Amino acid sequence: MRLDVSAGLQNMLEEVGSNASEGEIELVSKHHNKGKLPPGPSPLPIVGNILQIDVPFSNYSLMNFTEKYGPVFTVYLGMKPTLVLHGYEALKEALIGQGDKFSGKMQSPLLSKESQGLGTPCDPSFLLACVPCNVISAVIFQHWFDYNDETFIGFMKNFQRIIEILTSPWIQLCSAYPVFYCLPGSHNEYFKILTEIKVFILKEIKRLQKSLNLSNPQDFIDYFLIKIEKEKHNKKLEYSMDNMIATTSDLFHAETETTSSTMKYGLFLLLKHPEVTAKIQEEIARVIGSHRSPGMQDKSHMPYTDAVWHEIQRYIDLIPIPWPRKTTQDVQFRGYHIPKGTSIMTCLMSVLNDNKEFPHPEKFDPSHFLGERGNFKKSDYFMAFSAGKRTCIREGLARMEMFLILTNILQHFTLKPLVNPEDIDTTPVQTGLLSLPPSYELCFIPR
């Protein structure tokens, strides 16, 4: 039904239009002519074409305009022009033929006012990478970077590009046949990025050298510099500037990618399972409340949250087959003689998906790590960080980070998917090296 406006009110609006100031008329005129928009029904000042369109807006009311103006025309909803595309050909040409130019998303003024721009859909990848990167930066450099720092952003992008290169089929082929490194390929870009990272790290090291106090080391670099000084007369020098740069780069690389990818996949699983999210938030409210930040002292009192994080790491199987090890000497193993230097590939996925330990391992189920009374249950099969002497050195730090990041997010925000949870497909994107979550967006709604 057309908007019910009394004749008197409509006459008044038309009178307003006829008596509108030159500024108001000029404003509508500017909108109408700006960018050579397609023609359409003439708008009234302030209200535009609202009086000529059925409310709620329907295809039938717009069809009336196509008879006069064709399949592409302009209407004014208030003082803002809106381009109308009507019919298959117009939509195909715009949305498919020039889809990248027609892909922006309008935000409701009401929603914008209510949320102040928060909760807007976003891809969490970069932010989740910045957090662990800054944590390891504090440990190594005793320095936090502003997330808008151009140098820091470039540093982060370099690490993200390294992952893309290392997980590519070409690099995996080169690893199997090193002779291919002589050919052109993405490995050359990899070496270039490593040089840029080295320059960044060396700059930070030189900054710290100026303030180094041998009797009061403050961070990883300080301790390493002191060790270099003590070992400088050692002919079998293991502590050197090159070694420090390489070690620092490795720490940044491992910390940034594995923690951020686990976090990103974890949030994705929580979007799929809102009932799990709700239980975590109940535990947060009961143990922590809303008036203080979570701390590691809370972890032992939050068995469900702990179980969820273990299940996330088990389920996603981030590194199904870690980088190969090798035997350090000849070894007898299960009746076989394994020569020194033999490459060893460990299939962690076979342990994390063992159905004797984890019933229905193909399902995401936090009860895999919960006892009958709801207490946290450890499992020797949990080898997300590998096992033995080559276990990940950052396991302790990573566990702390993931617990604190998750609880802080869910304490302050509700996670909102852009689709129905049942339509979310959590199948990983297999790269050969990593099992990564598909790209997605979500809304962080303030609680």
Protein backbone atom coordinates (compact mmCIF):
# COMPACT_ATOMS: atom_id res chain seq x y z
CA MET A 1 0.00 0.00 0.00
CA ARG A 2 1.22 3.50 -0.82
CA LEU A 3 2.46 5.58 2.12
CA ASP A 4 -0.68 6.98 3.76
CA VAL A 5 -0.21 10.72 3.76
CA SER A 6 -3.22 12.99 4.03
CA ALA A 7 -3.91 15.36 1.19
CA GLY A 8 -3.23 18.27 3.51
CA LEU A 9 0.17 16.94 4.49
CA GLN A 10 1.05 16.16 0.89
CA ASN A 11 0.04 19.65 -0.17
CA MET A 12 2.13 21.05 2.65
CA LEU A 13 5.17 19.08 1.50
CA GLU A 14 4.65 20.23 -2.06
CA GLU A 15 4.36 23.77 -0.77
CA VAL A 16 7.59 23.29 1.13
CA GLY A 17 9.08 22.14 -2.15
CA SER A 18 7.84 25.20 -4.00
CA ASN A 19 9.02 27.51 -1.23
CA ALA A 20 12.30 25.67 -0.53
CA SER A 21 15.36 27.76 -0.19
CA GLU A 22 17.79 27.99 -3.06
CA GLY A 23 20.31 26.05 -0.91
CA GLU A 24 17.91 23.10 -0.48
CA ILE A 25 17.06 23.00 -4.19
CA GLU A 26 20.72 23.31 -5.09
CA LEU A 27 21.57 20.40 -2.75
CA VAL A 28 19.11 18.05 -4.46
CA SER A 29 20.22 19.32 -7.85
CA LYS A 30 23.86 18.61 -7.04
CA HIS A 31 23.04 15.07 -5.96
CA HIS A 32 20.97 14.51 -9.07
CA ASN A 33 23.64 15.74 -11.45
CA LYS A 34 26.74 14.46 -9.63
CA GLY A 35 28.40 11.67 -11.58
CA LYS A 36 25.77 11.82 -14.34
CA LEU A 37 23.37 9.48 -12.59
CA PRO A 38 20.63 7.90 -14.71
CA PRO A 39 17.35 9.82 -14.91
CA GLY A 40 14.44 9.07 -12.65
CA PRO A 41 11.35 10.66 -11.13
CA SER A 42 11.90 14.23 -9.97
CA PRO A 43 12.52 14.33 -6.19
CA LEU A 44 10.96 16.74 -3.74
CA PRO A 45 13.28 18.61 -1.34
CA ILE A 46 14.02 16.69 1.85
CA VAL A 47 11.64 13.75 1.21
CA GLY A 48 12.88 12.85 -2.26
CA ASN A 49 10.68 10.23 -3.97
CA ILE A 50 9.36 8.63 -0.79
CA LEU A 51 5.77 9.74 -1.56
CA GLN A 52 5.90 8.04 -4.97
CA ILE A 53 7.10 4.64 -3.73
CA ASP A 54 4.96 1.99 -2.05
CA VAL A 55 5.87 1.21 1.55
CA PRO A 56 7.18 -1.34 2.23
CA PHE A 57 9.21 -1.00 -0.96
CA SER A 58 8.07 -3.55 -3.52
CA ASN A 59 9.13 -4.65 -6.94
CA TYR A 60 5.74 -3.58 -8.27
CA SER A 61 6.20 0.07 -7.36
CA LEU A 62 9.64 0.11 -8.95
CA MET A 63 8.31 -1.58 -12.10
CA ASN A 64 6.15 1.46 -12.70
CA PHE A 65 9.29 3.56 -13.09
CA THR A 66 10.93 1.14 -15.54
CA GLU A 67 8.19 1.77 -18.05
CA LYS A 68 9.31 5.39 -18.27
CA TYR A 69 13.00 5.34 -17.33
CA GLY A 70 14.15 1.87 -18.34
CA PRO A 71 15.90 -0.84 -16.26
CA VAL A 72 18.44 1.55 -14.71
CA PHE A 73 17.21 4.69 -12.98
CA THR A 74 17.68 6.88 -9.92
CA VAL A 75 15.33 7.45 -7.01
CA TYR A 76 15.83 9.57 -3.90
CA LEU A 77 15.14 8.03 -0.51
CA GLY A 78 15.18 11.27 1.39
CA MET A 79 18.04 13.41 0.09
CA LYS A 80 20.25 10.49 -0.97
CA PRO A 81 20.21 9.16 -4.53
CA THR A 82 19.83 5.41 -5.00
CA LEU A 83 20.59 3.65 -8.26
CA VAL A 84 17.98 1.01 -9.11
CA LEU A 85 18.96 -1.99 -11.24
CA HIS A 86 15.95 -3.87 -12.58
CA GLY A 87 15.98 -7.08 -14.57
CA TYR A 88 18.48 -9.84 -15.32
CA GLU A 89 20.62 -8.03 -17.88
CA ALA A 90 21.19 -4.96 -15.71
CA LEU A 91 22.00 -7.03 -12.63
CA LYS A 92 24.31 -9.37 -14.55
CA GLU A 93 26.22 -6.49 -16.12
CA ALA A 94 26.71 -4.76 -12.77
CA LEU A 95 27.08 -7.57 -10.24
CA ILE A 96 28.99 -10.03 -12.44
CA GLY A 97 30.51 -7.97 -15.23
CA GLN A 98 31.79 -5.32 -12.81
CA GLY A 99 31.29 -7.13 -9.52
CA ASP A 100 34.32 -5.64 -7.76
CA LYS A 101 32.96 -2.15 -8.33
CA PHE A 102 29.50 -3.01 -7.04
CA SER A 103 30.55 -4.98 -3.96
CA GLY A 104 30.48 -2.32 -1.24
CA LYS A 105 28.06 -2.80 1.65
CA MET A 106 25.71 -0.04 2.80
CA GLN A 107 25.25 0.30 6.56
CA SER A 108 21.88 1.15 8.06
CA PRO A 109 22.01 4.58 9.75
CA LEU A 110 20.07 3.09 12.66
CA LEU A 111 22.55 0.24 13.09
CA SER A 112 25.45 2.65 12.73
CA LYS A 113 24.06 4.87 15.45
CA GLU A 114 23.43 1.91 17.77
CA SER A 115 26.80 0.24 17.25
CA GLN A 116 28.95 3.32 16.60
CA GLY A 117 30.55 1.36 13.77
CA LEU A 118 31.31 -1.67 16.05
CA GLY A 119 30.26 -5.06 15.03
CA THR A 120 30.84 -4.27 11.40
CA PRO A 121 31.80 -7.45 9.56
CA CYS A 122 35.54 -8.02 9.39
CA ASP A 123 38.11 -10.65 8.54
CA PRO A 124 39.95 -11.28 11.85
CA SER A 125 43.13 -12.64 10.23
CA PHE A 126 45.37 -9.59 10.45
CA LEU A 127 44.31 -8.54 13.95
CA LEU A 128 44.75 -12.06 15.31
CA ALA A 129 48.24 -12.13 13.78
CA CYS A 130 49.17 -8.76 15.28
CA VAL A 131 48.42 -9.83 18.86
CA PRO A 132 50.87 -12.77 19.15
CA CYS A 133 53.43 -10.91 17.06
CA ASN A 134 53.36 -8.04 19.54
CA VAL A 135 53.58 -10.45 22.47
CA ILE A 136 56.73 -12.07 21.13
CA SER A 137 58.03 -8.59 20.31
CA ALA A 138 57.65 -7.65 23.98
CA VAL A 139 59.55 -10.78 25.03
CA ILE A 140 62.36 -10.30 22.50
CA PHE A 141 62.61 -6.52 22.18
CA GLN A 142 60.69 -5.32 25.27
CA HIS A 143 58.77 -3.19 22.83
CA TRP A 144 55.15 -3.07 21.67
CA PHE A 145 54.33 -1.72 18.23
CA ASP A 146 51.33 0.41 17.45
CA TYR A 147 49.00 -1.52 15.15
CA ASN A 148 49.01 1.44 12.75
CA ASP A 149 52.81 1.56 12.59
CA GLU A 150 53.72 1.23 8.90
CA THR A 151 56.96 -0.59 9.69
CA PHE A 152 55.13 -3.10 11.88
CA ILE A 153 52.41 -3.61 9.25
CA GLY A 154 55.07 -4.28 6.61
CA PHE A 155 56.79 -6.71 8.99
CA MET A 156 53.50 -8.57 9.52
CA LYS A 157 52.72 -8.74 5.81
CA ASN A 158 56.15 -10.21 5.16
CA PHE A 159 55.46 -13.08 7.55
CA GLN A 160 52.05 -13.70 6.00
CA ARG A 161 53.61 -13.80 2.54
CA ILE A 162 56.25 -16.25 3.77
CA ILE A 163 53.50 -18.67 4.81
CA GLU A 164 51.86 -18.37 1.41
CA ILE A 165 55.18 -19.17 -0.25
CA LEU A 166 56.18 -22.01 2.08
CA THR A 167 52.82 -23.74 1.70
CA SER A 168 52.81 -23.51 -2.09
CA PRO A 169 53.23 -26.68 -4.20
CA TRP A 170 56.33 -25.17 -5.80
CA ILE A 171 58.25 -24.92 -2.53
CA GLN A 172 57.22 -28.44 -1.57
CA LEU A 173 58.54 -29.62 -4.92
CA CYS A 174 61.80 -27.73 -4.36
CA SER A 175 62.15 -29.32 -0.93
CA ALA A 176 61.97 -32.74 -2.53
CA TYR A 177 64.23 -31.76 -5.45
CA PRO A 178 66.62 -28.97 -4.33
CA VAL A 179 68.02 -28.68 -7.85
CA PHE A 180 64.87 -26.68 -8.71
CA TYR A 181 66.14 -23.83 -6.54
CA CYS A 182 68.34 -22.93 -9.52
CA LEU A 183 65.22 -22.05 -11.50
CA PRO A 184 63.11 -18.88 -11.28
CA GLY A 185 60.27 -19.14 -8.78
CA SER A 186 58.66 -17.87 -5.59
CA HIS A 187 61.65 -19.08 -3.56
CA ASN A 188 63.53 -16.02 -4.82
CA GLU A 189 60.84 -13.77 -3.33
CA TYR A 190 61.18 -15.77 -0.10
CA PHE A 191 64.90 -14.97 0.12
CA LYS A 192 64.18 -11.30 -0.59
CA ILE A 193 61.62 -11.16 2.24
CA LEU A 194 64.05 -12.86 4.62
CA THR A 195 66.56 -10.09 3.88
CA GLU A 196 63.94 -7.43 4.71
CA ILE A 197 63.09 -9.20 7.97
CA LYS A 198 66.79 -9.41 8.84
CA VAL A 199 67.16 -5.65 8.32
CA PHE A 200 64.16 -5.00 10.60
CA ILE A 201 65.49 -7.25 13.38
CA LEU A 202 69.01 -5.85 13.11
CA LYS A 203 67.64 -2.33 13.50
CA GLU A 204 65.90 -3.34 16.74
CA ILE A 205 69.04 -5.08 18.01
CA LYS A 206 71.14 -1.98 17.45
CA ARG A 207 68.57 0.08 19.33
CA LEU A 208 68.83 -2.26 22.30
CA GLN A 209 72.62 -2.38 22.18
CA LYS A 210 72.73 1.32 23.01
CA SER A 211 70.85 0.82 26.28
CA LEU A 212 72.28 -2.58 27.24
CA ASN A 213 73.02 -2.98 30.95
CA LEU A 214 75.20 -6.07 31.43
CA SER A 215 74.09 -6.43 35.05
CA ASN A 216 70.39 -5.95 34.36
CA PRO A 217 69.19 -7.67 31.13
CA GLN A 218 65.58 -6.87 30.26
CA ASP A 219 64.69 -9.09 27.30
CA PHE A 220 65.76 -11.96 25.07
CA ILE A 221 68.10 -9.77 22.99
CA ASP A 222 69.85 -8.46 26.12
CA TYR A 223 70.55 -12.00 27.31
CA PHE A 224 71.78 -13.04 23.88
CA LEU A 225 74.06 -10.00 23.58
CA ILE A 226 75.55 -10.74 26.98
CA LYS A 227 76.14 -14.35 25.96
CA ILE A 228 77.87 -13.21 22.76
CA GLU A 229 80.18 -11.04 24.83
CA LYS A 230 81.05 -13.90 27.21
CA GLU A 231 81.64 -16.39 24.40
CA LYS A 232 83.58 -14.12 22.03
CA HIS A 233 86.85 -15.99 22.66
CA ASN A 234 85.29 -19.40 22.10
CA LYS A 235 86.54 -20.91 18.84
CA LYS A 236 83.40 -23.03 18.52
CA LEU A 237 81.21 -19.98 18.71
CA GLU A 238 77.48 -20.76 18.77
CA TYR A 239 76.35 -17.34 19.99
CA SER A 240 76.77 -14.85 17.17
CA MET A 241 74.90 -11.95 15.65
CA ASP A 242 73.80 -14.07 12.68
CA ASN A 243 72.58 -16.81 15.00
CA MET A 244 70.64 -14.28 17.09
CA ILE A 245 68.94 -12.83 14.02
CA ALA A 246 68.03 -16.29 12.73
CA THR A 247 66.69 -17.39 16.13
CA THR A 248 64.67 -14.18 16.53
CA SER A 249 63.19 -14.59 13.05
CA ASP A 250 62.22 -18.18 13.81
CA LEU A 251 60.50 -17.16 17.05
CA PHE A 252 58.51 -14.44 15.31
CA HIS A 253 57.60 -16.71 12.44
CA ALA A 254 56.39 -19.63 14.57
CA GLU A 255 54.62 -17.47 17.14
CA THR A 256 52.79 -15.28 14.67
CA GLU A 257 51.52 -17.88 12.23
CA THR A 258 50.66 -20.86 14.42
CA THR A 259 48.99 -18.88 17.20
CA SER A 260 47.04 -16.59 14.86
CA SER A 261 45.92 -19.49 12.62
CA THR A 262 44.78 -21.48 15.66
CA MET A 263 42.91 -18.44 16.99
CA LYS A 264 41.29 -17.78 13.63
CA TYR A 265 40.20 -21.39 13.28
CA GLY A 266 39.02 -21.40 16.90
CA LEU A 267 36.71 -18.42 16.39
CA PHE A 268 35.42 -20.04 13.21
CA LEU A 269 34.48 -23.19 15.14
CA LEU A 270 32.77 -21.10 17.81
CA LEU A 271 30.66 -19.43 15.10
CA LYS A 272 29.61 -22.91 14.02
CA HIS A 273 28.87 -23.98 17.61
CA PRO A 274 27.19 -21.07 19.46
CA GLU A 275 26.20 -23.41 22.28
CA VAL A 276 29.90 -23.89 23.07
CA THR A 277 30.46 -20.13 23.00
CA ALA A 278 27.57 -19.64 25.42
CA LYS A 279 29.04 -22.14 27.90
CA ILE A 280 32.43 -20.41 27.80
CA GLN A 281 30.79 -17.05 28.45
CA GLU A 282 28.86 -18.54 31.36
CA GLU A 283 32.14 -19.76 32.83
CA ILE A 284 33.76 -16.36 32.27
CA ALA A 285 30.87 -14.62 34.02
CA ARG A 286 31.04 -17.01 36.97
CA VAL A 287 34.82 -17.06 37.46
CA ILE A 288 36.00 -13.68 36.18
CA GLY A 289 33.00 -11.41 35.91
CA SER A 290 33.00 -8.23 33.86
CA HIS A 291 34.98 -5.84 36.05
CA ARG A 292 38.49 -7.25 35.67
CA SER A 293 40.61 -8.75 32.93
CA PRO A 294 41.22 -12.51 32.72
CA GLY A 295 44.51 -13.82 34.11
CA MET A 296 46.34 -17.13 34.00
CA GLN A 297 45.30 -17.74 37.60
CA ASP A 298 41.74 -18.19 36.29
CA LYS A 299 42.63 -21.05 33.96
CA SER A 300 42.59 -23.76 36.63
CA HIS A 301 39.05 -22.69 37.60
CA MET A 302 37.75 -22.81 34.02
CA PRO A 303 37.85 -26.48 32.95
CA TYR A 304 35.32 -26.06 30.15
CA THR A 305 37.25 -23.23 28.49
CA ASP A 306 40.46 -25.24 28.86
CA ALA A 307 38.77 -28.27 27.30
CA VAL A 308 37.49 -26.17 24.39
CA TRP A 309 40.97 -24.91 23.58
CA HIS A 310 42.43 -28.40 23.66
CA GLU A 311 39.61 -29.64 21.44
CA ILE A 312 40.14 -26.77 18.99
CA GLN A 313 43.80 -27.69 18.64
CA ARG A 314 43.01 -31.39 18.35
CA TYR A 315 40.23 -30.91 15.82
CA ILE A 316 41.95 -28.45 13.48
CA ASP A 317 45.18 -30.47 13.39
CA LEU A 318 47.02 -27.31 12.28
CA ILE A 319 50.25 -29.08 11.34
CA PRO A 320 49.20 -32.64 10.42
CA ILE A 321 52.74 -33.64 9.47
CA PRO A 322 55.42 -31.40 11.02
CA TRP A 323 58.69 -30.59 9.33
CA PRO A 324 60.71 -33.83 9.15
CA ARG A 325 63.21 -34.76 11.84
CA LYS A 326 66.24 -36.95 11.31
CA THR A 327 68.03 -39.58 13.33
CA THR A 328 71.16 -38.35 15.10
CA GLN A 329 72.74 -41.82 15.12
CA ASP A 330 72.11 -45.38 14.00
CA VAL A 331 69.09 -46.73 15.85
CA GLN A 332 67.22 -50.01 16.21
CA PHE A 333 63.48 -49.47 16.05
CA ARG A 334 60.86 -52.19 16.09
CA GLY A 335 63.26 -54.71 14.67
CA TYR A 336 64.58 -52.39 11.98
CA HIS A 337 67.98 -50.73 11.63
CA ILE A 338 67.57 -47.01 10.97
CA PRO A 339 70.83 -45.35 9.79
CA LYS A 340 72.04 -42.03 11.15
CA GLY A 341 70.68 -39.03 9.23
CA THR A 342 67.48 -40.76 8.09
CA SER A 343 64.60 -38.31 7.55
CA ILE A 344 61.71 -38.94 9.95
CA MET A 345 58.14 -37.82 9.26
CA THR A 346 55.77 -37.82 12.26
CA CYS A 347 52.04 -38.01 11.51
CA LEU A 348 50.52 -36.12 14.41
CA MET A 349 47.10 -36.39 12.79
CA SER A 350 47.11 -40.14 13.42
CA VAL A 351 47.34 -39.50 17.16
CA LEU A 352 44.98 -36.54 17.39
CA ASN A 353 42.34 -38.51 15.49
CA ASP A 354 42.71 -41.83 17.28
CA ASN A 355 39.16 -43.07 17.89
CA LYS A 356 40.22 -45.20 20.85
CA GLU A 357 41.13 -42.05 22.78
CA PHE A 358 38.71 -39.60 21.13
CA PRO A 359 35.30 -41.10 20.31
CA HIS A 360 34.06 -39.70 16.99
CA PRO A 361 37.29 -37.74 16.31
CA GLU A 362 35.75 -36.22 13.18
CA LYS A 363 33.41 -34.18 15.39
CA PHE A 364 34.23 -31.03 17.33
CA ASP A 365 33.41 -32.05 20.89
CA PRO A 366 34.95 -30.42 24.01
CA SER A 367 33.86 -33.44 26.08
CA HIS A 368 36.91 -35.23 24.67
CA PHE A 369 38.83 -33.36 27.38
CA LEU A 370 36.25 -33.39 30.16
CA GLY A 371 35.81 -35.90 32.96
CA GLU A 372 32.49 -37.23 34.22
CA ARG A 373 32.21 -34.41 36.78
CA GLY A 374 33.07 -31.67 34.29
CA ASN A 375 36.71 -31.45 35.33
CA PHE A 376 39.46 -31.01 32.76
CA LYS A 377 40.88 -34.35 31.60
CA LYS A 378 44.43 -34.54 30.26
CA SER A 379 45.31 -36.89 27.43
CA ASP A 380 48.69 -38.29 26.43
CA TYR A 381 47.36 -38.33 22.87
CA PHE A 382 47.27 -34.55 22.78
CA MET A 383 50.35 -33.84 20.65
CA ALA A 384 49.35 -30.63 18.96
CA PHE A 385 52.82 -29.23 19.72
CA SER A 386 54.57 -32.50 18.84
CA ALA A 387 56.38 -34.46 21.57
CA GLY A 388 59.81 -35.36 22.94
CA LYS A 389 62.94 -33.25 22.65
CA ARG A 390 61.76 -31.56 19.48
CA THR A 391 58.48 -30.38 20.95
CA CYS A 392 57.64 -26.76 20.17
CA ILE A 393 59.64 -24.45 22.48
CA ARG A 394 56.82 -21.89 22.48
CA GLU A 395 54.14 -24.29 23.70
CA GLY A 396 53.82 -22.67 27.14
CA LEU A 397 53.64 -19.14 25.75
CA ALA A 398 51.18 -20.16 23.05
CA ARG A 399 48.83 -21.78 25.56
CA MET A 400 48.85 -18.67 27.72
CA GLU A 401 48.22 -16.40 24.75
CA MET A 402 45.36 -18.44 23.37
CA PHE A 403 43.62 -18.68 26.73
CA LEU A 404 43.94 -14.96 27.44
CA ILE A 405 42.98 -13.86 23.92
CA LEU A 406 39.90 -16.07 23.82
CA THR A 407 38.63 -15.12 27.27
CA ASN A 408 39.21 -11.42 26.64
CA ILE A 409 37.30 -11.55 23.35
CA LEU A 410 34.34 -13.48 24.74
CA GLN A 411 34.25 -11.38 27.90
CA HIS A 412 33.63 -8.24 25.86
CA PHE A 413 32.05 -9.43 22.62
CA THR A 414 29.44 -11.76 21.21
CA LEU A 415 30.51 -13.45 17.98
CA LYS A 416 27.98 -13.10 15.17
CA PRO A 417 28.33 -15.06 11.91
CA LEU A 418 27.14 -13.62 8.61
CA VAL A 419 25.32 -16.87 7.78
CA ASN A 420 23.35 -19.43 9.77
CA PRO A 421 25.66 -21.57 11.92
CA GLU A 422 24.36 -24.77 10.32
CA ASP A 423 25.51 -23.45 6.92
CA ILE A 424 29.11 -22.93 8.07
CA ASP A 425 31.52 -25.47 6.59
CA THR A 426 34.55 -25.92 8.86
CA THR A 427 36.47 -28.10 6.39
CA PRO A 428 40.08 -26.86 6.38
CA VAL A 429 41.95 -25.51 3.38
CA GLN A 430 44.69 -28.09 2.94
CA THR A 431 48.03 -26.69 1.87
CA GLY A 432 50.16 -29.77 2.43
CA LEU A 433 51.98 -28.10 5.30
CA LEU A 434 49.13 -26.49 7.26
CA SER A 435 45.41 -27.07 7.72
CA LEU A 436 44.06 -23.53 7.56
CA PRO A 437 40.50 -22.27 8.02
CA PRO A 438 38.70 -20.90 4.97
CA SER A 439 38.47 -17.13 4.71
CA TYR A 440 35.49 -15.72 6.59
CA GLU A 441 34.10 -12.59 8.18
CA LEU A 442 32.25 -12.11 11.46
CA CYS A 443 30.87 -9.35 13.62
CA PHE A 444 32.17 -8.57 17.11
CA ILE A 445 29.10 -7.30 18.93
CA PRO A 446 29.90 -5.46 22.21
CA ARG A 447 28.25 -7.17 25.19
